[in-house]
Amino acid sequence: MHNDQKNKFLVEFGAYLKNRREKTLKEDNLLQFSYLSNLDNSKLAKIEKGKIDIQFSTLIEIAKAYKLTDKAILGFKFISDE
C-alpha cells in the first residue's frame, strides 16, 4: 500500500469510527467515551482523525469499545489499488 493510499485509508477509517461513536453509540463527547471505554482520549482523537497507524491489539480494544463485530471492523471497505 502506497503512503498516500495508506493515509487516505487511515482518515476514512477514523471517520468511520467517529461516525459510529456519534451516530450509533450516541456518544458525542470523546473524553467521556474514552473514560467509559478505558481508552486514552488523545490516542482515540488521533485515530479518529487518521493521524496514527494502530497496532492489532489496539484494533481489538477499539472493536470492543465501539461495539463492532469482527466482520464490521475487518470488513471496513477501503480504496484498493486500481
C-alpha atoms as a PDB file:
ATOM      1  CA  MET A   1       0.000   0.000   0.000  1.00  0.00           C
ATOM      2  CA  HIS A   2       1.440   3.363  -1.021  1.00  0.00           C
ATOM      3  CA  ASN A   3       1.792   6.148   1.554  1.00  0.00           C
ATOM      4  CA  ASP A   4      -0.964   8.302   0.024  1.00  0.00           C
ATOM      5  CA  GLN A   5      -3.298   5.336  -0.092  1.00  0.00           C
ATOM      6  CA  LYS A   6      -2.424   4.362   3.476  1.00  0.00           C
ATOM      7  CA  ASN A   7      -3.067   7.896   4.723  1.00  0.00           C
ATOM      8  CA  LYS A   8      -6.404   8.025   2.917  1.00  0.00           C
ATOM      9  CA  PHE A   9      -7.379   4.702   4.478  1.00  0.00           C
ATOM     10  CA  LEU A  10      -6.455   5.928   7.982  1.00  0.00           C
ATOM     11  CA  VAL A  11      -8.562   9.076   7.524  1.00  0.00           C
ATOM     12  CA  GLU A  12     -11.532   7.089   6.189  1.00  0.00           C
ATOM     13  CA  PHE A  13     -11.256   4.516   8.973  1.00  0.00           C
ATOM     14  CA  GLY A  14     -11.065   7.275  11.591  1.00  0.00           C
ATOM     15  CA  ALA A  15     -14.159   8.940  10.138  1.00  0.00           C
ATOM     16  CA  TYR A  16     -15.931   5.565  10.201  1.00  0.00           C
ATOM     17  CA  LEU A  17     -15.121   5.183  13.923  1.00  0.00           C
ATOM     18  CA  LYS A  18     -16.150   8.745  14.754  1.00  0.00           C
ATOM     19  CA  ASN A  19     -19.440   8.297  12.929  1.00  0.00           C
ATOM     20  CA  ARG A  20     -20.007   5.010  14.760  1.00  0.00           C
ATOM     21  CA  ARG A  21     -19.355   6.670  18.128  1.00  0.00           C
ATOM     22  CA  GLU A  22     -21.591   9.675  17.456  1.00  0.00           C
ATOM     23  CA  LYS A  23     -24.464   8.130  15.485  1.00  0.00           C
ATOM     24  CA  THR A  24     -24.727   4.522  16.655  1.00  0.00           C
ATOM     25  CA  LEU A  25     -23.421   4.745  20.200  1.00  0.00           C
ATOM     26  CA  LYS A  26     -24.924   8.238  20.700  1.00  0.00           C
ATOM     27  CA  GLU A  27     -21.737   9.449  22.390  1.00  0.00           C
ATOM     28  CA  ASP A  28     -20.705  12.912  21.173  1.00  0.00           C
ATOM     29  CA  ASN A  29     -18.161  13.538  23.909  1.00  0.00           C
ATOM     30  CA  LEU A  30     -14.857  11.823  23.074  1.00  0.00           C
ATOM     31  CA  LEU A  31     -13.467  12.424  26.568  1.00  0.00           C
ATOM     32  CA  GLN A  32     -16.471  10.739  28.183  1.00  0.00           C
ATOM     33  CA  PHE A  33     -16.313   7.891  25.659  1.00  0.00           C
ATOM     34  CA  SER A  34     -12.614   7.346  26.336  1.00  0.00           C
ATOM     35  CA  TYR A  35     -13.326   7.179  30.062  1.00  0.00           C
ATOM     36  CA  LEU A  36     -16.172   4.682  29.596  1.00  0.00           C
ATOM     37  CA  SER A  37     -14.186   2.549  27.161  1.00  0.00           C
ATOM     38  CA  ASN A  38     -10.936   2.687  29.150  1.00  0.00           C
ATOM     39  CA  LEU A  39      -9.004   4.004  26.128  1.00  0.00           C
ATOM     40  CA  ASP A  40      -6.706   7.024  26.064  1.00  0.00           C
ATOM     41  CA  ASN A  41      -8.514  10.197  24.949  1.00  0.00           C
ATOM     42  CA  SER A  42      -5.632  11.674  22.954  1.00  0.00           C
ATOM     43  CA  LYS A  43      -4.962   8.364  21.194  1.00  0.00           C
ATOM     44  CA  LEU A  44      -8.640   7.993  20.256  1.00  0.00           C
ATOM     45  CA  ALA A  45      -8.698  11.554  18.919  1.00  0.00           C
ATOM     46  CA  LYS A  46      -5.661  10.838  16.727  1.00  0.00           C
ATOM     47  CA  ILE A  47      -7.170   7.573  15.486  1.00  0.00           C
ATOM     48  CA  GLU A  48     -10.477   9.262  14.606  1.00  0.00           C
ATOM     49  CA  LYS A  49      -8.559  11.958  12.691  1.00  0.00           C
ATOM     50  CA  GLY A  50      -6.463   9.366  10.836  1.00  0.00           C
ATOM     51  CA  LYS A  51      -3.239  10.694  12.330  1.00  0.00           C
ATOM     52  CA  ILE A  52      -1.787   7.400  13.608  1.00  0.00           C
ATOM     53  CA  ASP A  53      -1.437   3.855  12.373  1.00  0.00           C
ATOM     54  CA  ILE A  54      -2.590   1.432  15.045  1.00  0.00           C
ATOM     55  CA  GLN A  55      -1.414  -1.979  16.188  1.00  0.00           C
ATOM     56  CA  PHE A  56      -3.622  -5.056  16.009  1.00  0.00           C
ATOM     57  CA  SER A  57      -4.035  -5.103  19.803  1.00  0.00           C
ATOM     58  CA  THR A  58      -5.372  -1.535  19.654  1.00  0.00           C
ATOM     59  CA  LEU A  59      -7.754  -2.588  16.894  1.00  0.00           C
ATOM     60  CA  ILE A  60      -9.188  -5.239  19.220  1.00  0.00           C
ATOM     61  CA  GLU A  61      -9.636  -2.655  22.006  1.00  0.00           C
ATOM     62  CA  ILE A  62     -11.345  -0.316  19.545  1.00  0.00           C
ATOM     63  CA  ALA A  63     -13.674  -3.069  18.328  1.00  0.00           C
ATOM     64  CA  LYS A  64     -14.787  -3.694  21.904  1.00  0.00           C
ATOM     65  CA  ALA A  65     -15.179  -0.009  22.761  1.00  0.00           C
ATOM     66  CA  TYR A  66     -17.058   0.845  19.566  1.00  0.00           C
ATOM     67  CA  LYS A  67     -19.102  -2.372  19.838  1.00  0.00           C
ATOM     68  CA  LEU A  68     -18.008  -3.579  16.426  1.00  0.00           C
ATOM     69  CA  THR A  69     -18.150  -7.209  15.364  1.00  0.00           C
ATOM     70  CA  ASP A  70     -15.112  -8.821  13.801  1.00  0.00           C
ATOM     71  CA  LYS A  71     -16.867  -8.607  10.450  1.00  0.00           C
ATOM     72  CA  ALA A  72     -17.600  -4.893  10.882  1.00  0.00           C
ATOM     73  CA  ILE A  73     -14.071  -3.974  11.951  1.00  0.00           C
ATOM     74  CA  LEU A  74     -12.199  -6.173   9.473  1.00  0.00           C
ATOM     75  CA  GLY A  75     -14.773  -5.736   6.716  1.00  0.00           C
ATOM     76  CA  PHE A  76     -14.262  -1.976   6.567  1.00  0.00           C
ATOM     77  CA  LYS A  77     -14.077  -1.055   2.895  1.00  0.00           C
ATOM     78  CA  PHE A  78     -11.135   0.932   1.670  1.00  0.00           C
ATOM     79  CA  ILE A  79      -9.855   2.027  -1.691  1.00  0.00           C
ATOM     80  CA  SER A  80      -7.823  -0.737  -3.314  1.00  0.00           C
ATOM     81  CA  ASP A  81      -5.091  -0.481  -5.902  1.00  0.00           C
ATOM     82  CA  GLU A  82      -6.575   0.034  -9.324  1.00  0.00           C
END
